[in-house]
Amino acid sequence: MDIGINDVHRKEIAGGLSRLLADSYTLYLKTHNYHWNVTGSMFQTLHLMFEQHYNELALAVDAIAERIRALGHPAPGSYAAFAQLTSIQEEMEVPEAKEMIANLVKGHEAVIRTARSLFDSVEEAGDEATADLLTQRLQIHEKTAWMLRALLA
């Protein structure tokens, strides 16, 4: 493979993107779970908002996985792999609506930190395509976290 990024850099970036994929998929699953199980006075608002969020995340995980493949590495795709790679905690209980919101803020912030941690490697490798993907993901997750925080104010 000769795309102007050496093997070492491609492997390092693919590893970082695998962590981002795991965080994004875990957040997708959490958001979808909350969509199904939210109750209370904010039901309609949150049910619809969570649906928008998980639909956006479904597209994001595909873009991230395809970037890993474009770098010549396999994308993780199992619950076991995601569980090993993610920094987002799962919970087994169904929390109240406000706790769901707070948990999603934490989840988006975790994705933001993971994405941000990749920039040094990406810049060193001159990988503009991955930098663009990361920038887009940061913008979406930062805006979503801000909007969710506003519900908690």
N, C-alpha and C. Protein backbone atom coordinates (compact mmCIF):
# COMPACT_ATOMS: atom_id res chain seq x y z
N MET A 1 0.85 -1.17 0.00
CA MET A 1 0.00 0.00 0.00
C MET A 1 0.90 1.23 0.00
N ASP A 2 0.65 2.13 -0.94
CA ASP A 2 1.47 3.33 -1.05
C ASP A 2 0.55 4.55 -1.21
N ILE A 3 0.08 5.09 -0.07
CA ILE A 3 -0.82 6.25 -0.09
C ILE A 3 -0.16 7.49 0.50
N GLY A 4 1.16 7.41 0.70
CA GLY A 4 1.88 8.55 1.25
C GLY A 4 1.92 8.59 2.76
N ILE A 5 1.43 7.55 3.41
CA ILE A 5 1.50 7.42 4.87
C ILE A 5 2.18 6.08 5.15
N ASN A 6 3.28 6.11 5.89
CA ASN A 6 4.01 4.87 6.09
C ASN A 6 3.24 3.88 6.97
N ASP A 7 3.71 2.63 6.94
CA ASP A 7 3.02 1.53 7.64
C ASP A 7 2.88 1.79 9.13
N VAL A 8 3.91 2.32 9.74
CA VAL A 8 3.89 2.57 11.19
C VAL A 8 2.81 3.59 11.53
N HIS A 9 2.76 4.68 10.77
CA HIS A 9 1.75 5.71 11.02
C HIS A 9 0.34 5.18 10.75
N ARG A 10 0.19 4.43 9.65
CA ARG A 10 -1.14 3.89 9.34
C ARG A 10 -1.64 2.97 10.46
N LYS A 11 -0.74 2.15 10.99
CA LYS A 11 -1.12 1.24 12.07
C LYS A 11 -1.50 2.02 13.33
N GLU A 12 -0.71 3.02 13.67
CA GLU A 12 -0.97 3.83 14.86
C GLU A 12 -2.30 4.58 14.73
N ILE A 13 -2.55 5.16 13.58
CA ILE A 13 -3.79 5.91 13.37
C ILE A 13 -4.98 4.96 13.36
N ALA A 14 -4.84 3.82 12.71
CA ALA A 14 -5.93 2.84 12.70
C ALA A 14 -6.25 2.36 14.12
N GLY A 15 -5.25 2.20 14.95
CA GLY A 15 -5.48 1.82 16.34
C GLY A 15 -6.25 2.88 17.10
N GLY A 16 -5.87 4.14 16.89
CA GLY A 16 -6.60 5.24 17.52
C GLY A 16 -8.03 5.34 17.01
N LEU A 17 -8.19 5.17 15.70
CA LEU A 17 -9.54 5.20 15.14
C LEU A 17 -10.38 4.02 15.63
N SER A 18 -9.75 2.91 15.93
CA SER A 18 -10.48 1.76 16.49
C SER A 18 -11.03 2.10 17.87
N ARG A 19 -10.26 2.85 18.66
CA ARG A 19 -10.76 3.30 19.96
C ARG A 19 -11.91 4.29 19.77
N LEU A 20 -11.78 5.17 18.79
CA LEU A 20 -12.86 6.13 18.49
C LEU A 20 -14.10 5.39 18.00
N LEU A 21 -13.93 4.38 17.19
CA LEU A 21 -15.05 3.57 16.72
C LEU A 21 -15.74 2.88 17.90
N ALA A 22 -14.95 2.32 18.80
CA ALA A 22 -15.53 1.64 19.97
C ALA A 22 -16.29 2.62 20.85
N ASP A 23 -15.72 3.79 21.09
CA ASP A 23 -16.43 4.81 21.88
C ASP A 23 -17.71 5.24 21.18
N SER A 24 -17.63 5.46 19.88
CA SER A 24 -18.80 5.92 19.14
C SER A 24 -19.89 4.86 19.11
N TYR A 25 -19.50 3.60 18.93
CA TYR A 25 -20.50 2.53 18.90
C TYR A 25 -21.13 2.32 20.28
N THR A 26 -20.32 2.42 21.32
CA THR A 26 -20.85 2.28 22.67
C THR A 26 -21.81 3.41 22.98
N LEU A 27 -21.47 4.62 22.56
CA LEU A 27 -22.37 5.76 22.74
C LEU A 27 -23.63 5.59 21.91
N TYR A 28 -23.51 5.07 20.70
CA TYR A 28 -24.67 4.77 19.87
C TYR A 28 -25.62 3.82 20.61
N LEU A 29 -25.06 2.74 21.13
CA LEU A 29 -25.87 1.73 21.82
C LEU A 29 -26.54 2.32 23.05
N LYS A 30 -25.81 3.11 23.81
CA LYS A 30 -26.36 3.74 25.01
C LYS A 30 -27.50 4.69 24.63
N THR A 31 -27.28 5.48 23.60
CA THR A 31 -28.28 6.45 23.16
C THR A 31 -29.54 5.74 22.66
N HIS A 32 -29.36 4.67 21.91
CA HIS A 32 -30.50 3.90 21.41
C HIS A 32 -31.28 3.27 22.57
N ASN A 33 -30.56 2.74 23.54
CA ASN A 33 -31.18 2.18 24.74
C ASN A 33 -32.01 3.25 25.45
N TYR A 34 -31.47 4.43 25.60
CA TYR A 34 -32.20 5.51 26.27
C TYR A 34 -33.42 5.93 25.46
N HIS A 35 -33.31 5.93 24.15
CA HIS A 35 -34.45 6.24 23.28
C HIS A 35 -35.60 5.27 23.57
N TRP A 36 -35.28 4.01 23.70
CA TRP A 36 -36.31 3.00 23.96
C TRP A 36 -36.90 3.12 25.35
N ASN A 37 -36.10 3.52 26.32
CA ASN A 37 -36.50 3.37 27.72
C ASN A 37 -36.76 4.67 28.47
N VAL A 38 -36.64 5.82 27.83
CA VAL A 38 -36.87 7.08 28.54
C VAL A 38 -38.34 7.19 28.94
N THR A 39 -38.57 7.76 30.12
CA THR A 39 -39.93 8.02 30.62
C THR A 39 -39.93 9.38 31.30
N GLY A 40 -41.11 9.84 31.63
CA GLY A 40 -41.23 11.08 32.40
C GLY A 40 -41.75 12.23 31.57
N SER A 41 -41.74 13.40 32.20
CA SER A 41 -42.34 14.59 31.58
C SER A 41 -41.60 15.06 30.33
N MET A 42 -40.35 14.66 30.18
CA MET A 42 -39.56 15.06 29.01
C MET A 42 -39.55 13.96 27.94
N PHE A 43 -40.45 12.98 28.08
CA PHE A 43 -40.41 11.81 27.20
C PHE A 43 -40.36 12.18 25.72
N GLN A 44 -41.34 12.93 25.25
CA GLN A 44 -41.43 13.21 23.82
C GLN A 44 -40.17 13.91 23.30
N THR A 45 -39.73 14.92 24.00
CA THR A 45 -38.53 15.67 23.59
C THR A 45 -37.31 14.76 23.55
N LEU A 46 -37.10 14.01 24.62
CA LEU A 46 -35.90 13.18 24.70
C LEU A 46 -35.98 11.99 23.74
N HIS A 47 -37.15 11.39 23.61
CA HIS A 47 -37.32 10.26 22.70
C HIS A 47 -36.91 10.66 21.28
N LEU A 48 -37.38 11.81 20.83
CA LEU A 48 -37.06 12.29 19.49
C LEU A 48 -35.60 12.73 19.38
N MET A 49 -35.08 13.41 20.40
CA MET A 49 -33.69 13.86 20.39
C MET A 49 -32.74 12.66 20.37
N PHE A 50 -33.00 11.68 21.21
CA PHE A 50 -32.14 10.51 21.25
C PHE A 50 -32.16 9.78 19.90
N GLU A 51 -33.29 9.76 19.24
CA GLU A 51 -33.37 9.13 17.91
C GLU A 51 -32.48 9.87 16.91
N GLN A 52 -32.53 11.19 16.93
CA GLN A 52 -31.65 11.97 16.05
C GLN A 52 -30.19 11.66 16.35
N HIS A 53 -29.86 11.58 17.63
CA HIS A 53 -28.47 11.34 18.02
C HIS A 53 -28.00 9.96 17.59
N TYR A 54 -28.81 8.91 17.82
CA TYR A 54 -28.33 7.58 17.46
C TYR A 54 -28.29 7.40 15.95
N ASN A 55 -29.16 8.05 15.21
CA ASN A 55 -29.08 7.99 13.75
C ASN A 55 -27.79 8.63 13.24
N GLU A 56 -27.41 9.76 13.83
CA GLU A 56 -26.17 10.42 13.45
C GLU A 56 -24.97 9.53 13.80
N LEU A 57 -25.01 8.92 14.97
CA LEU A 57 -23.91 8.04 15.39
C LEU A 57 -23.81 6.81 14.50
N ALA A 58 -24.93 6.30 14.01
CA ALA A 58 -24.90 5.14 13.11
C ALA A 58 -24.12 5.47 11.84
N LEU A 59 -24.31 6.67 11.32
CA LEU A 59 -23.55 7.10 10.14
C LEU A 59 -22.08 7.30 10.49
N ALA A 60 -21.83 7.82 11.69
CA ALA A 60 -20.46 8.09 12.12
C ALA A 60 -19.64 6.81 12.25
N VAL A 61 -20.20 5.78 12.83
CA VAL A 61 -19.43 4.55 13.01
C VAL A 61 -19.05 3.96 11.67
N ASP A 62 -19.91 4.11 10.68
CA ASP A 62 -19.60 3.62 9.34
C ASP A 62 -18.44 4.41 8.74
N ALA A 63 -18.47 5.72 8.88
CA ALA A 63 -17.39 6.55 8.33
C ALA A 63 -16.05 6.25 9.01
N ILE A 64 -16.09 6.06 10.32
CA ILE A 64 -14.85 5.76 11.06
C ILE A 64 -14.30 4.39 10.64
N ALA A 65 -15.17 3.39 10.57
CA ALA A 65 -14.74 2.04 10.18
C ALA A 65 -14.18 2.05 8.75
N GLU A 66 -14.82 2.79 7.87
CA GLU A 66 -14.33 2.84 6.49
C GLU A 66 -12.97 3.55 6.40
N ARG A 67 -12.73 4.52 7.26
CA ARG A 67 -11.42 5.17 7.27
C ARG A 67 -10.34 4.20 7.74
N ILE A 68 -10.67 3.39 8.74
CA ILE A 68 -9.72 2.36 9.21
C ILE A 68 -9.38 1.43 8.05
N ARG A 69 -10.40 1.00 7.30
CA ARG A 69 -10.18 0.12 6.15
C ARG A 69 -9.35 0.80 5.08
N ALA A 70 -9.62 2.09 4.84
CA ALA A 70 -8.85 2.82 3.82
C ALA A 70 -7.37 2.91 4.19
N LEU A 71 -7.08 2.83 5.48
CA LEU A 71 -5.69 2.83 5.95
C LEU A 71 -5.07 1.44 5.91
N GLY A 72 -5.86 0.45 5.47
CA GLY A 72 -5.33 -0.90 5.27
C GLY A 72 -5.40 -1.81 6.47
N HIS A 73 -6.26 -1.48 7.43
CA HIS A 73 -6.37 -2.30 8.63
C HIS A 73 -7.82 -2.74 8.84
N PRO A 74 -8.01 -3.87 9.51
CA PRO A 74 -9.39 -4.32 9.78
C PRO A 74 -10.03 -3.46 10.87
N ALA A 75 -11.30 -3.18 10.69
CA ALA A 75 -12.05 -2.43 11.70
C ALA A 75 -12.62 -3.40 12.72
N PRO A 76 -12.52 -3.09 14.02
CA PRO A 76 -13.16 -3.96 15.00
C PRO A 76 -14.67 -3.92 14.79
N GLY A 77 -15.34 -5.03 15.07
CA GLY A 77 -16.77 -5.07 14.81
C GLY A 77 -17.55 -6.00 15.71
N SER A 78 -17.02 -6.28 16.89
CA SER A 78 -17.76 -7.15 17.81
C SER A 78 -17.93 -6.45 19.15
N TYR A 79 -18.94 -6.88 19.90
CA TYR A 79 -19.14 -6.33 21.24
C TYR A 79 -17.90 -6.55 22.10
N ALA A 80 -17.29 -7.71 21.97
CA ALA A 80 -16.10 -8.02 22.77
C ALA A 80 -14.96 -7.05 22.44
N ALA A 81 -14.74 -6.80 21.16
CA ALA A 81 -13.67 -5.88 20.76
C ALA A 81 -13.98 -4.46 21.24
N PHE A 82 -15.23 -4.04 21.06
CA PHE A 82 -15.61 -2.70 21.50
C PHE A 82 -15.47 -2.56 23.01
N ALA A 83 -15.84 -3.60 23.75
CA ALA A 83 -15.73 -3.55 25.21
C ALA A 83 -14.28 -3.37 25.65
N GLN A 84 -13.34 -3.96 24.93
CA GLN A 84 -11.93 -3.83 25.27
C GLN A 84 -11.38 -2.46 24.89
N LEU A 85 -11.93 -1.85 23.85
CA LEU A 85 -11.37 -0.61 23.32
C LEU A 85 -12.03 0.66 23.85
N THR A 86 -13.27 0.58 24.31
CA THR A 86 -14.00 1.79 24.66
C THR A 86 -13.59 2.37 26.01
N SER A 87 -13.78 3.66 26.14
CA SER A 87 -13.55 4.34 27.42
C SER A 87 -14.88 4.71 28.08
N ILE A 88 -15.99 4.33 27.47
CA ILE A 88 -17.32 4.68 27.96
C ILE A 88 -17.88 3.52 28.78
N GLN A 89 -18.36 3.85 29.96
CA GLN A 89 -18.95 2.85 30.84
C GLN A 89 -20.37 2.51 30.42
N GLU A 90 -20.68 1.23 30.42
CA GLU A 90 -22.07 0.81 30.23
C GLU A 90 -22.72 0.73 31.61
N GLU A 91 -24.03 0.89 31.63
CA GLU A 91 -24.74 0.62 32.86
C GLU A 91 -25.81 -0.43 32.58
N MET A 92 -26.10 -1.22 33.56
CA MET A 92 -27.04 -2.32 33.37
C MET A 92 -28.47 -1.92 33.75
N GLU A 93 -28.61 -0.87 34.48
CA GLU A 93 -29.93 -0.39 34.90
C GLU A 93 -30.42 0.69 33.94
N VAL A 94 -31.70 1.00 34.00
CA VAL A 94 -32.26 2.09 33.21
C VAL A 94 -32.37 3.30 34.13
N PRO A 95 -31.54 4.32 33.90
CA PRO A 95 -31.57 5.49 34.78
C PRO A 95 -32.77 6.40 34.49
N GLU A 96 -33.00 7.33 35.39
CA GLU A 96 -34.03 8.35 35.18
C GLU A 96 -33.57 9.27 34.04
N ALA A 97 -34.52 10.02 33.49
CA ALA A 97 -34.25 10.85 32.30
C ALA A 97 -33.08 11.81 32.50
N LYS A 98 -33.04 12.53 33.62
CA LYS A 98 -31.94 13.49 33.83
C LYS A 98 -30.60 12.79 33.93
N GLU A 99 -30.58 11.61 34.53
CA GLU A 99 -29.33 10.86 34.61
C GLU A 99 -28.93 10.35 33.23
N MET A 100 -29.91 10.00 32.40
CA MET A 100 -29.61 9.63 31.02
C MET A 100 -28.88 10.78 30.32
N ILE A 101 -29.42 11.97 30.47
CA ILE A 101 -28.82 13.15 29.84
C ILE A 101 -27.39 13.34 30.34
N ALA A 102 -27.20 13.28 31.64
CA ALA A 102 -25.87 13.46 32.22
C ALA A 102 -24.91 12.37 31.73
N ASN A 103 -25.39 11.14 31.63
CA ASN A 103 -24.55 10.05 31.13
C ASN A 103 -24.16 10.27 29.67
N LEU A 104 -25.09 10.79 28.89
CA LEU A 104 -24.78 11.05 27.49
C LEU A 104 -23.78 12.20 27.34
N VAL A 105 -23.88 13.20 28.21
CA VAL A 105 -22.88 14.27 28.20
C VAL A 105 -21.50 13.64 28.43
N LYS A 106 -21.39 12.79 29.44
CA LYS A 106 -20.11 12.13 29.73
C LYS A 106 -19.64 11.29 28.54
N GLY A 107 -20.58 10.62 27.88
CA GLY A 107 -20.23 9.81 26.72
C GLY A 107 -19.70 10.65 25.57
N HIS A 108 -20.38 11.75 25.28
CA HIS A 108 -19.90 12.63 24.20
C HIS A 108 -18.55 13.23 24.56
N GLU A 109 -18.36 13.59 25.81
CA GLU A 109 -17.07 14.13 26.23
C GLU A 109 -15.97 13.09 26.10
N ALA A 110 -16.28 11.82 26.36
CA ALA A 110 -15.29 10.75 26.19
C ALA A 110 -14.90 10.61 24.72
N VAL A 111 -15.90 10.67 23.84
CA VAL A 111 -15.61 10.59 22.40
C VAL A 111 -14.73 11.78 21.98
N ILE A 112 -15.05 12.95 22.49
CA ILE A 112 -14.26 14.15 22.18
C ILE A 112 -12.80 13.94 22.61
N ARG A 113 -12.58 13.46 23.81
CA ARG A 113 -11.21 13.25 24.29
C ARG A 113 -10.47 12.22 23.42
N THR A 114 -11.17 11.15 23.06
CA THR A 114 -10.54 10.13 22.22
C THR A 114 -10.18 10.71 20.86
N ALA A 115 -11.10 11.43 20.25
CA ALA A 115 -10.82 12.03 18.94
C ALA A 115 -9.66 13.01 19.03
N ARG A 116 -9.67 13.85 20.05
CA ARG A 116 -8.62 14.86 20.21
C ARG A 116 -7.24 14.21 20.42
N SER A 117 -7.22 13.06 21.06
CA SER A 117 -5.94 12.39 21.35
C SER A 117 -5.24 11.88 20.09
N LEU A 118 -5.94 11.81 18.98
CA LEU A 118 -5.37 11.28 17.75
C LEU A 118 -4.66 12.33 16.89
N PHE A 119 -4.90 13.60 17.17
CA PHE A 119 -4.41 14.65 16.27
C PHE A 119 -2.89 14.68 16.12
N ASP A 120 -2.14 14.44 17.18
CA ASP A 120 -0.68 14.48 17.05
C ASP A 120 -0.19 13.46 16.04
N SER A 121 -0.69 12.23 16.14
CA SER A 121 -0.28 11.17 15.21
C SER A 121 -0.71 11.48 13.79
N VAL A 122 -1.94 11.97 13.66
CA VAL A 122 -2.50 12.27 12.35
C VAL A 122 -1.71 13.40 11.68
N GLU A 123 -1.39 14.43 12.45
CA GLU A 123 -0.64 15.56 11.89
C GLU A 123 0.78 15.14 11.53
N GLU A 124 1.41 14.35 12.39
CA GLU A 124 2.77 13.88 12.11
C GLU A 124 2.81 13.07 10.81
N ALA A 125 1.76 12.30 10.56
CA ALA A 125 1.70 11.45 9.37
C ALA A 125 1.26 12.23 8.13
N GLY A 126 0.76 13.44 8.30
CA GLY A 126 0.23 14.18 7.17
C GLY A 126 -1.06 13.58 6.64
N ASP A 127 -1.85 13.03 7.54
CA ASP A 127 -3.09 12.34 7.16
C ASP A 127 -4.27 13.31 7.24
N GLU A 128 -4.41 14.11 6.19
CA GLU A 128 -5.45 15.13 6.16
C GLU A 128 -6.85 14.54 6.17
N ALA A 129 -7.04 13.39 5.53
CA ALA A 129 -8.37 12.78 5.48
C ALA A 129 -8.85 12.40 6.89
N THR A 130 -7.97 11.81 7.68
CA THR A 130 -8.35 11.47 9.05
C THR A 130 -8.52 12.73 9.89
N ALA A 131 -7.68 13.73 9.68
CA ALA A 131 -7.82 14.99 10.40
C ALA A 131 -9.18 15.62 10.12
N ASP A 132 -9.62 15.57 8.87
CA ASP A 132 -10.92 16.11 8.50
C ASP A 132 -12.04 15.34 9.19
N LEU A 133 -11.95 14.02 9.19
CA LEU A 133 -12.95 13.19 9.87
C LEU A 133 -13.01 13.53 11.36
N LEU A 134 -11.85 13.64 11.99
CA LEU A 134 -11.79 13.95 13.42
C LEU A 134 -12.39 15.33 13.71
N THR A 135 -12.08 16.30 12.88
CA THR A 135 -12.61 17.65 13.07
C THR A 135 -14.13 17.65 12.98
N GLN A 136 -14.66 16.93 12.00
CA GLN A 136 -16.12 16.82 11.87
C GLN A 136 -16.74 16.17 13.11
N ARG A 137 -16.11 15.10 13.57
CA ARG A 137 -16.65 14.39 14.75
C ARG A 137 -16.59 15.30 15.99
N LEU A 138 -15.49 16.03 16.14
CA LEU A 138 -15.38 16.94 17.29
C LEU A 138 -16.49 17.99 17.26
N GLN A 139 -16.73 18.58 16.11
CA GLN A 139 -17.77 19.61 16.02
C GLN A 139 -19.13 19.05 16.41
N ILE A 140 -19.45 17.88 15.94
CA ILE A 140 -20.76 17.28 16.24
C ILE A 140 -20.86 16.93 17.72
N HIS A 141 -19.84 16.28 18.27
CA HIS A 141 -19.92 15.85 19.67
C HIS A 141 -19.87 17.04 20.63
N GLU A 142 -19.09 18.06 20.32
CA GLU A 142 -19.06 19.24 21.19
C GLU A 142 -20.41 19.96 21.19
N LYS A 143 -21.03 20.08 20.03
CA LYS A 143 -22.35 20.72 19.95
C LYS A 143 -23.39 19.89 20.67
N THR A 144 -23.37 18.58 20.48
CA THR A 144 -24.34 17.71 21.13
C THR A 144 -24.18 17.75 22.65
N ALA A 145 -22.94 17.72 23.13
CA ALA A 145 -22.70 17.79 24.58
C ALA A 145 -23.21 19.11 25.14
N TRP A 146 -22.97 20.20 24.42
CA TRP A 146 -23.46 21.51 24.85
C TRP A 146 -24.99 21.51 24.94
N MET A 147 -25.65 20.98 23.93
CA MET A 147 -27.12 20.96 23.93
C MET A 147 -27.68 20.09 25.07
N LEU A 148 -27.03 18.96 25.32
CA LEU A 148 -27.47 18.11 26.42
C LEU A 148 -27.23 18.79 27.76
N ARG A 149 -26.06 19.46 27.90
CA ARG A 149 -25.79 20.20 29.16
C ARG A 149 -26.84 21.26 29.40
N ALA A 150 -27.32 21.91 28.34
CA ALA A 150 -28.33 22.96 28.49
C ALA A 150 -29.62 22.41 29.08
N LEU A 151 -29.92 21.14 28.82
CA LEU A 151 -31.12 20.53 29.40
C LEU A 151 -30.99 20.32 30.91
N LEU A 152 -29.76 20.23 31.37
CA LEU A 152 -29.50 19.99 32.80
C LEU A 152 -29.43 21.30 33.62
N ALA A 153 -29.37 22.43 32.94
CA ALA A 153 -29.22 23.72 33.64
C ALA A 153 -30.49 24.10 34.39
